[in-house]
Structures are given as C-alpha cells and as structure tokens.
Amino acid sequence: MVSPSWDPDRYQRFADERARPFHDLIGRIQTPDPASVVDLGCGPGPTTALLSDRWPEADVLGIDSSVDMIGAAATHARSGRLRFAVGSIADWDPQPVDVIVSNAALQWVPDHVSLLPAWAEALKPGGALAFQVPRSAGMRAGQIFQAVAAGSRWKDLLAAAATAPGPRSAGSPVRPVAEYVDVLASAGLRVDAWESTYYHLLQGPDPVLEWFTGTGLRPYLDALRDDPAALADFRAEVGERLRAEYPPHPYGTILPFPRIFVVAHRA
C-alpha cells in the first residue's frame, strides 16, 4: 500500500481540536515512571513532546512513515530524552517497552489488529498500550467522499483511493471496540475501552473541508495531484456537499467526530 502524503502545516491548522483526544487517551495511562515510551504515528511531534513532558526521565521515541512529518517533528527533539525516526507502524519491531502510544494513526494501517498481540507481549510489567482511532463507520463526511468519488467523472480516477485502507474509505481497517478488547484481554492485559463523540466547533471558511483535507481526503487528493484542475473540481464538489451536511452558523461550524479509545495494562 502507498501511504498518503502529509502536509504538517495543514494538519496543524486544527492542532487544539486534534490534541484533545490525545489528552483524554494518555490521561488513562497508569504506568507511573516509564523508562521507555514509543509513539507510533507521531505526526509533526507536538503531542509526542507532551509525553516527554509527562515523563521527563523516559526515553521517548516518535515514529512516523512520513518524511515531512518527521522533519517537522525534529524541531521538538530533546537530546537524550526525545527523538524521532522515519518508520512504518506495520514494520516496527517491538522490543521490551514500558508505554506504547498511537494517537489517530492505526486507521491507516491495514490489519493492525494482527499487530496488537506482539505489542502486548513487548510490554514490561506495569506497562501500557494506549491508542485511539476515528470511528468512521456511518460518519457522513466519509459517505460524502465515497459518493463523490463514485460519480461518473471520478469513479475511474479514484477507484483505488476509494477502496484503499483508510479511516473514511470503503476499506477502513478500524474494528469494533469489542474486537480490540477481545484481542488484548486474550493477550493477558487489563483493558479499558470506550467511545466518545467530540463536537468540534470549527472556525473559518469551509472548515470541515479543511479538516479532512489534512486527513481523510488525502488518498483522493493524492490520486489527483498531477491534474490541478481536476483536483480543484473534486475539492469544490466535496466542499459543496460538506457545507450542506455541516452548515456554518454565526458562531462556527459543528463537526461531530466519534472516536474509539483503548488503554490496556500489563500486570
């Protein structure tokens, strides 16, 4: 699978909204003084830096498949405490570790459930595995992307993007909460899992389009990047439908966003 391209600056336009689930996730980690922490799919790095702030004595490593994201993350590096590396989540070789975190990244990894037993095995006593992913099934934005991509103008150009693994494609790897619980509990971990829907109040013109341009629309936009006119037309068509589904108000635009959280500890 070819990974989507990523624009750190565009992704960071909604940094506060994207960071809130991260805070809710790591707030449930009970490992008191980890020596080693790995952030899988660290993105541009500011939330990984928060892990270093929380556990200042830990060796914190952020891994991301995007060279551009790691380039942005490098500005947060701290000698001997916080470092970053380019790497694939699927290819990460789990070594004994105290805390594994993955925030809004596993939705891009096909069959990531199959990776969880090895990650659980790598946890040291008292260690924790914590991740969150968008619960995109039934989300109107994803349905709009798929409907537009299936239109007569786009269906041939975007057939691969529409079925590629990703949070809002027909091939989403995100699994039901109960499946994550079953896999990790069967691996001997104590599992805490829940779902939350965030009602983000976004500002600016076309904020929902801008939000997903930084994330879920990436495979579609990448497929059209060699044809700027077609890309602009596709964005315009998606934007029109998103405005109808998520209408602006004088105070901003409401984007309901459901997410799955899993925090699992080894005894």
Foldseek 3Di string as FASTA:
>chain_A
DDAFAFDLVLQCPPVVVLCPVVCVFCVPQDQQAWQEEEEEQCFLAPSQLVVCVRHVNHAYEYEHQYPNRQVNNQVSDDPPHYHYDYDHPVPDDQAQTAEYEYEADCQQPAPCLVVVLNNLVNYDAFGKYKYKHFPQVPFVLLVLLLVLCCDPVRVVLCVCVQQHRHRSHPPGRDDDPVSSVVSNVVSVWDKDKDKDKDWDFDDDPLVVLSNCCRGVCRSVLVSCVVPVVVSVVSSVSSSVVVCVVFPADPRGTIDITMMMIMMITHD
